């Protein structure tokens, strides 16, 4: 039995709802978090992608020194699940 969206939305967490709105609007979802919360937010987003929406996920860790070419190469490489760009000196 399929549930109507009116019954599902009130049960969503803030992060799930933000993700749903971005999906409906066909826009990228940009989430900001304090440094001490990054691991928790990353884990929650990975669970939301997989469990709530049934998506595969990739985690890209970028810094302000990351180059567009590096980012682009990682985005199109679907053989990796979790990706981390090397820290720049």
N, C-alpha and C. Protein backbone atom coordinates (compact mmCIF):
# COMPACT_ATOMS: atom_id res chain seq x y z
N UNK A 1 0.83 -1.18 0.00
CA UNK A 1 0.00 0.00 0.00
C UNK A 1 0.88 1.24 0.00
N UNK A 2 0.72 2.07 -1.01
CA UNK A 2 1.50 3.29 -1.10
C UNK A 2 0.91 4.36 -0.18
N UNK A 3 1.82 5.06 0.50
CA UNK A 3 1.37 6.15 1.38
C UNK A 3 1.37 7.45 0.60
N UNK A 4 0.45 8.32 0.92
CA UNK A 4 0.39 9.63 0.28
C UNK A 4 1.45 10.54 0.87
N UNK A 5 1.93 11.46 0.05
CA UNK A 5 2.99 12.36 0.48
C UNK A 5 2.57 13.18 1.71
N UNK A 6 1.29 13.47 1.84
CA UNK A 6 0.82 14.24 2.99
C UNK A 6 1.07 13.51 4.31
N UNK A 7 1.11 12.18 4.27
CA UNK A 7 1.37 11.43 5.50
C UNK A 7 2.85 11.20 5.72
N UNK A 8 3.64 11.30 4.67
CA UNK A 8 5.08 11.04 4.78
C UNK A 8 5.85 12.28 5.23
N UNK A 9 5.54 13.42 4.64
CA UNK A 9 6.31 14.65 4.90
C UNK A 9 6.39 15.02 6.37
N UNK A 10 5.31 14.96 7.14
CA UNK A 10 5.43 15.33 8.55
C UNK A 10 6.37 14.43 9.35
N UNK A 11 6.64 13.25 8.85
CA UNK A 11 7.52 12.31 9.55
C UNK A 11 8.99 12.50 9.21
N UNK A 12 9.29 13.32 8.20
CA UNK A 12 10.68 13.51 7.76
C UNK A 12 11.45 14.40 8.72
N UNK A 13 12.73 14.11 8.86
CA UNK A 13 13.61 14.99 9.63
C UNK A 13 13.87 16.25 8.80
N UNK A 14 14.47 17.26 9.42
CA UNK A 14 14.79 18.49 8.69
C UNK A 14 15.69 18.21 7.50
N UNK A 15 16.68 17.35 7.69
CA UNK A 15 17.62 17.03 6.61
C UNK A 15 16.93 16.22 5.51
N UNK A 16 16.05 15.31 5.87
CA UNK A 16 15.30 14.55 4.87
C UNK A 16 14.38 15.48 4.07
N UNK A 17 13.73 16.40 4.76
CA UNK A 17 12.84 17.34 4.09
C UNK A 17 13.62 18.26 3.14
N UNK A 18 14.77 18.75 3.59
CA UNK A 18 15.60 19.61 2.73
C UNK A 18 16.03 18.84 1.48
N UNK A 19 16.39 17.58 1.65
CA UNK A 19 16.79 16.75 0.52
C UNK A 19 15.62 16.54 -0.43
N UNK A 20 14.45 16.25 0.11
CA UNK A 20 13.25 16.05 -0.71
C UNK A 20 12.93 17.30 -1.52
N UNK A 21 12.97 18.47 -0.88
CA UNK A 21 12.67 19.72 -1.58
C UNK A 21 13.66 19.94 -2.73
N UNK A 22 14.92 19.66 -2.50
CA UNK A 22 15.92 19.81 -3.57
C UNK A 22 15.67 18.84 -4.71
N UNK A 23 15.28 17.62 -4.38
CA UNK A 23 14.97 16.64 -5.42
C UNK A 23 13.76 17.07 -6.24
N UNK A 24 12.72 17.54 -5.57
CA UNK A 24 11.52 17.99 -6.27
C UNK A 24 11.83 19.19 -7.15
N UNK A 25 12.65 20.11 -6.65
CA UNK A 25 13.00 21.32 -7.39
C UNK A 25 14.09 21.07 -8.43
N UNK A 26 14.63 19.85 -8.45
CA UNK A 26 15.72 19.49 -9.38
C UNK A 26 16.91 20.42 -9.20
N UNK A 27 17.26 20.67 -7.94
CA UNK A 27 18.38 21.54 -7.59
C UNK A 27 19.37 20.78 -6.72
N UNK A 28 20.60 21.24 -6.73
CA UNK A 28 21.62 20.65 -5.87
C UNK A 28 21.33 21.01 -4.42
N UNK A 29 21.69 20.11 -3.54
CA UNK A 29 21.47 20.32 -2.11
C UNK A 29 22.83 20.65 -1.48
N UNK A 30 22.96 21.85 -0.97
CA UNK A 30 24.20 22.26 -0.32
C UNK A 30 23.92 22.34 1.18
N UNK A 31 24.63 21.51 1.93
CA UNK A 31 24.45 21.45 3.38
C UNK A 31 25.72 21.99 4.03
N UNK A 32 25.56 22.90 4.94
CA UNK A 32 26.70 23.43 5.69
C UNK A 32 26.59 22.95 7.13
N UNK A 33 27.73 22.65 7.71
CA UNK A 33 27.75 22.20 9.10
C UNK A 33 29.05 22.66 9.75
N UNK A 34 29.02 22.80 11.06
CA UNK A 34 30.23 23.11 11.80
C UNK A 34 31.18 21.92 11.70
N UNK A 35 32.47 22.20 11.81
CA UNK A 35 33.49 21.17 11.65
C UNK A 35 33.26 19.98 12.57
N UNK A 36 32.84 20.24 13.79
CA UNK A 36 32.65 19.14 14.75
C UNK A 36 31.43 18.28 14.42
N UNK A 37 30.55 18.77 13.55
CA UNK A 37 29.35 18.03 13.18
C UNK A 37 29.44 17.35 11.81
N UNK A 38 30.53 17.55 11.09
CA UNK A 38 30.62 17.05 9.72
C UNK A 38 30.44 15.55 9.61
N UNK A 39 31.10 14.78 10.46
CA UNK A 39 30.98 13.32 10.37
C UNK A 39 29.54 12.87 10.60
N UNK A 40 28.89 13.44 11.59
CA UNK A 40 27.51 13.08 11.89
C UNK A 40 26.57 13.44 10.74
N UNK A 41 26.73 14.63 10.19
CA UNK A 41 25.89 15.07 9.08
C UNK A 41 26.16 14.22 7.84
N UNK A 42 27.42 13.92 7.59
CA UNK A 42 27.76 13.07 6.45
C UNK A 42 27.10 11.70 6.59
N UNK A 43 27.22 11.10 7.75
CA UNK A 43 26.61 9.78 7.97
C UNK A 43 25.10 9.84 7.81
N UNK A 44 24.47 10.89 8.34
CA UNK A 44 23.03 11.02 8.21
C UNK A 44 22.60 11.18 6.75
N UNK A 45 23.34 12.00 6.00
CA UNK A 45 23.02 12.18 4.58
C UNK A 45 23.19 10.89 3.79
N UNK A 46 24.22 10.11 4.12
CA UNK A 46 24.42 8.84 3.44
C UNK A 46 23.25 7.89 3.72
N UNK A 47 22.79 7.86 4.97
CA UNK A 47 21.64 7.02 5.32
C UNK A 47 20.37 7.51 4.63
N UNK A 48 20.18 8.81 4.56
CA UNK A 48 19.01 9.37 3.89
C UNK A 48 19.03 8.99 2.41
N UNK A 49 20.18 9.16 1.77
CA UNK A 49 20.28 8.83 0.35
C UNK A 49 19.93 7.37 0.10
N UNK A 50 20.48 6.49 0.93
CA UNK A 50 20.29 5.06 0.74
C UNK A 50 18.94 4.58 1.23
N UNK A 51 18.61 4.86 2.47
CA UNK A 51 17.43 4.28 3.10
C UNK A 51 16.12 5.01 2.78
N UNK A 52 16.16 6.32 2.72
CA UNK A 52 14.93 7.07 2.49
C UNK A 52 14.60 7.17 1.01
N UNK A 53 15.62 7.42 0.18
CA UNK A 53 15.37 7.66 -1.24
C UNK A 53 15.88 6.56 -2.16
N UNK A 54 16.60 5.58 -1.63
CA UNK A 54 17.06 4.46 -2.43
C UNK A 54 18.15 4.80 -3.43
N UNK A 55 18.95 5.82 -3.13
CA UNK A 55 20.02 6.25 -4.03
C UNK A 55 21.36 5.68 -3.59
N UNK A 56 22.26 5.57 -4.55
CA UNK A 56 23.68 5.35 -4.22
C UNK A 56 24.24 6.70 -3.84
N UNK A 57 25.34 6.70 -3.10
CA UNK A 57 25.94 7.98 -2.72
C UNK A 57 27.44 7.95 -2.92
N UNK A 58 27.99 9.11 -3.05
CA UNK A 58 29.44 9.30 -3.09
C UNK A 58 29.75 10.49 -2.19
N UNK A 59 30.81 10.37 -1.44
CA UNK A 59 31.21 11.45 -0.54
C UNK A 59 32.50 12.06 -1.08
N UNK A 60 32.46 13.33 -1.38
CA UNK A 60 33.63 14.04 -1.87
C UNK A 60 34.04 15.06 -0.82
N UNK A 61 35.25 14.93 -0.33
CA UNK A 61 35.77 15.88 0.65
C UNK A 61 36.66 16.88 -0.09
N UNK A 62 36.23 18.11 -0.12
CA UNK A 62 36.95 19.15 -0.83
C UNK A 62 37.40 20.23 0.14
N UNK A 63 38.43 20.91 -0.25
CA UNK A 63 38.88 22.06 0.52
C UNK A 63 38.79 23.29 -0.37
N UNK A 64 39.05 24.43 0.18
CA UNK A 64 39.01 25.64 -0.63
C UNK A 64 40.10 25.64 -1.68
N UNK A 65 41.09 24.75 -1.53
CA UNK A 65 42.18 24.66 -2.50
C UNK A 65 41.93 23.60 -3.57
N UNK A 66 40.81 22.90 -3.49
CA UNK A 66 40.50 21.87 -4.49
C UNK A 66 40.28 22.52 -5.85
N UNK A 67 40.81 21.88 -6.87
CA UNK A 67 40.66 22.40 -8.22
C UNK A 67 39.42 21.81 -8.88
N UNK A 68 38.83 22.56 -9.77
CA UNK A 68 37.64 22.12 -10.49
C UNK A 68 37.92 20.83 -11.24
N UNK A 69 39.10 20.69 -11.82
CA UNK A 69 39.45 19.48 -12.57
C UNK A 69 39.44 18.25 -11.68
N UNK A 70 39.96 18.38 -10.46
CA UNK A 70 39.95 17.26 -9.51
C UNK A 70 38.53 16.88 -9.14
N UNK A 71 37.73 17.88 -8.84
CA UNK A 71 36.35 17.64 -8.47
C UNK A 71 35.60 16.96 -9.61
N UNK A 72 35.74 17.49 -10.81
CA UNK A 72 35.06 16.91 -11.98
C UNK A 72 35.45 15.47 -12.23
N UNK A 73 36.74 15.17 -12.09
CA UNK A 73 37.22 13.80 -12.30
C UNK A 73 36.61 12.84 -11.27
N UNK A 74 36.48 13.30 -10.05
CA UNK A 74 35.90 12.45 -9.00
C UNK A 74 34.40 12.25 -9.19
N UNK A 75 33.71 13.27 -9.68
CA UNK A 75 32.26 13.18 -9.87
C UNK A 75 31.92 12.14 -10.93
N UNK A 76 32.69 12.07 -12.00
CA UNK A 76 32.36 11.14 -13.08
C UNK A 76 32.91 9.73 -12.82
N UNK A 77 33.73 9.55 -11.79
CA UNK A 77 34.28 8.23 -11.46
C UNK A 77 33.31 7.52 -10.52
N UNK A 78 32.42 6.68 -11.08
CA UNK A 78 31.43 6.01 -10.25
C UNK A 78 31.91 4.67 -9.71
N UNK A 79 33.21 4.40 -9.80
CA UNK A 79 33.74 3.14 -9.26
C UNK A 79 34.08 3.27 -7.79
N UNK A 80 34.06 4.48 -7.25
CA UNK A 80 34.41 4.70 -5.86
C UNK A 80 33.18 5.15 -5.09
N UNK A 81 33.05 4.68 -3.87
CA UNK A 81 31.92 5.07 -3.05
C UNK A 81 32.27 6.28 -2.21
N UNK A 82 33.36 6.21 -1.47
CA UNK A 82 33.80 7.35 -0.67
C UNK A 82 35.12 7.84 -1.23
N UNK A 83 35.19 9.12 -1.46
CA UNK A 83 36.36 9.70 -2.12
C UNK A 83 36.86 10.84 -1.25
N UNK A 84 38.15 10.96 -1.16
CA UNK A 84 38.72 12.06 -0.40
C UNK A 84 39.84 12.69 -1.23
N UNK A 85 39.74 13.98 -1.45
CA UNK A 85 40.80 14.68 -2.16
C UNK A 85 41.98 14.88 -1.20
N UNK A 86 43.19 14.79 -1.72
CA UNK A 86 44.34 15.00 -0.84
C UNK A 86 44.40 16.44 -0.33
N UNK A 87 44.86 16.58 0.89
CA UNK A 87 45.01 17.92 1.46
C UNK A 87 46.13 18.64 0.74
N UNK A 88 45.96 19.89 0.51
CA UNK A 88 46.97 20.71 -0.15
C UNK A 88 47.85 21.36 0.91
N UNK A 89 49.10 21.48 0.60
CA UNK A 89 50.04 22.12 1.52
C UNK A 89 50.20 23.57 1.18
